[in-house]
């Protein structure tokens, strides 16, 4: 029996957003490294849906 598409989870329900203004983005091992003037943020690649 086919499942209704309405029962499937929507992608928009699982997206998180991060906003970085004026930064440099690099790949560092298995993370995305975001460099700003005085800070470095790391985001695990496995947790990304879109970039």
C-alpha atoms as a PDB file:
ATOM      1  CA  UNK A   1       0.000   0.000   0.000  1.00  0.00           C
ATOM      2  CA  UNK A   2       1.417   3.418  -0.952  1.00  0.00           C
ATOM      3  CA  UNK A   3       2.067   5.940   1.772  1.00  0.00           C
ATOM      4  CA  UNK A   4       0.496   9.340   1.401  1.00  0.00           C
ATOM      5  CA  UNK A   5       3.039  12.057   0.623  1.00  0.00           C
ATOM      6  CA  UNK A   6       1.395  14.194   3.295  1.00  0.00           C
ATOM      7  CA  UNK A   7       2.705  11.817   5.963  1.00  0.00           C
ATOM      8  CA  UNK A   8       6.362  12.209   4.939  1.00  0.00           C
ATOM      9  CA  UNK A   9       8.438  14.779   6.858  1.00  0.00           C
ATOM     10  CA  UNK A  10       9.014  18.030   5.019  1.00  0.00           C
ATOM     11  CA  UNK A  11      12.567  19.246   4.421  1.00  0.00           C
ATOM     12  CA  UNK A  12      11.640  22.737   5.640  1.00  0.00           C
ATOM     13  CA  UNK A  13      10.768  21.223   9.032  1.00  0.00           C
ATOM     14  CA  UNK A  14      14.354  20.116   9.584  1.00  0.00           C
ATOM     15  CA  UNK A  15      16.400  23.032   8.205  1.00  0.00           C
ATOM     16  CA  UNK A  16      18.458  25.240  10.479  1.00  0.00           C
ATOM     17  CA  UNK A  17      19.835  28.556   9.380  1.00  0.00           C
ATOM     18  CA  UNK A  18      23.130  30.262  10.101  1.00  0.00           C
ATOM     19  CA  UNK A  19      23.884  33.748   8.789  1.00  0.00           C
ATOM     20  CA  UNK A  20      27.449  34.987   8.488  1.00  0.00           C
ATOM     21  CA  UNK A  21      28.214  38.437   7.146  1.00  0.00           C
ATOM     22  CA  UNK A  22      31.666  39.214   5.738  1.00  0.00           C
ATOM     23  CA  UNK A  23      33.433  35.954   6.384  1.00  0.00           C
ATOM     24  CA  UNK A  24      35.670  33.378   4.761  1.00  0.00           C
ATOM     25  CA  UNK A  25      34.393  29.805   4.432  1.00  0.00           C
ATOM     26  CA  UNK A  26      36.785  26.858   4.117  1.00  0.00           C
ATOM     27  CA  UNK A  27      36.612  23.092   4.389  1.00  0.00           C
ATOM     28  CA  UNK A  28      38.638  21.864   7.347  1.00  0.00           C
ATOM     29  CA  UNK A  29      38.726  18.040   7.592  1.00  0.00           C
ATOM     30  CA  UNK A  30      35.060  17.027   7.983  1.00  0.00           C
ATOM     31  CA  UNK A  31      33.742  20.429   9.053  1.00  0.00           C
ATOM     32  CA  UNK A  32      32.980  23.736   7.401  1.00  0.00           C
ATOM     33  CA  UNK A  33      35.113  26.431   9.023  1.00  0.00           C
ATOM     34  CA  UNK A  34      33.754  29.977   8.993  1.00  0.00           C
ATOM     35  CA  UNK A  35      36.313  32.677   9.751  1.00  0.00           C
ATOM     36  CA  UNK A  36      35.293  36.182  10.757  1.00  0.00           C
ATOM     37  CA  UNK A  37      37.542  39.008  11.939  1.00  0.00           C
ATOM     38  CA  UNK A  38      38.170  37.619  15.419  1.00  0.00           C
ATOM     39  CA  UNK A  39      36.366  34.289  15.522  1.00  0.00           C
ATOM     40  CA  UNK A  40      36.269  30.821  13.974  1.00  0.00           C
ATOM     41  CA  UNK A  41      33.072  28.770  13.844  1.00  0.00           C
ATOM     42  CA  UNK A  42      32.989  25.102  12.864  1.00  0.00           C
ATOM     43  CA  UNK A  43      29.908  23.362  11.469  1.00  0.00           C
ATOM     44  CA  UNK A  44      29.961  19.557  11.058  1.00  0.00           C
ATOM     45  CA  UNK A  45      29.355  18.603   7.408  1.00  0.00           C
ATOM     46  CA  UNK A  46      27.100  15.729   8.456  1.00  0.00           C
ATOM     47  CA  UNK A  47      24.580  18.178   9.904  1.00  0.00           C
ATOM     48  CA  UNK A  48      24.238  20.233   6.708  1.00  0.00           C
ATOM     49  CA  UNK A  49      21.308  19.905   4.334  1.00  0.00           C
ATOM     50  CA  UNK A  50      22.153  22.933   2.193  1.00  0.00           C
ATOM     51  CA  UNK A  51      24.878  25.503   1.958  1.00  0.00           C
END
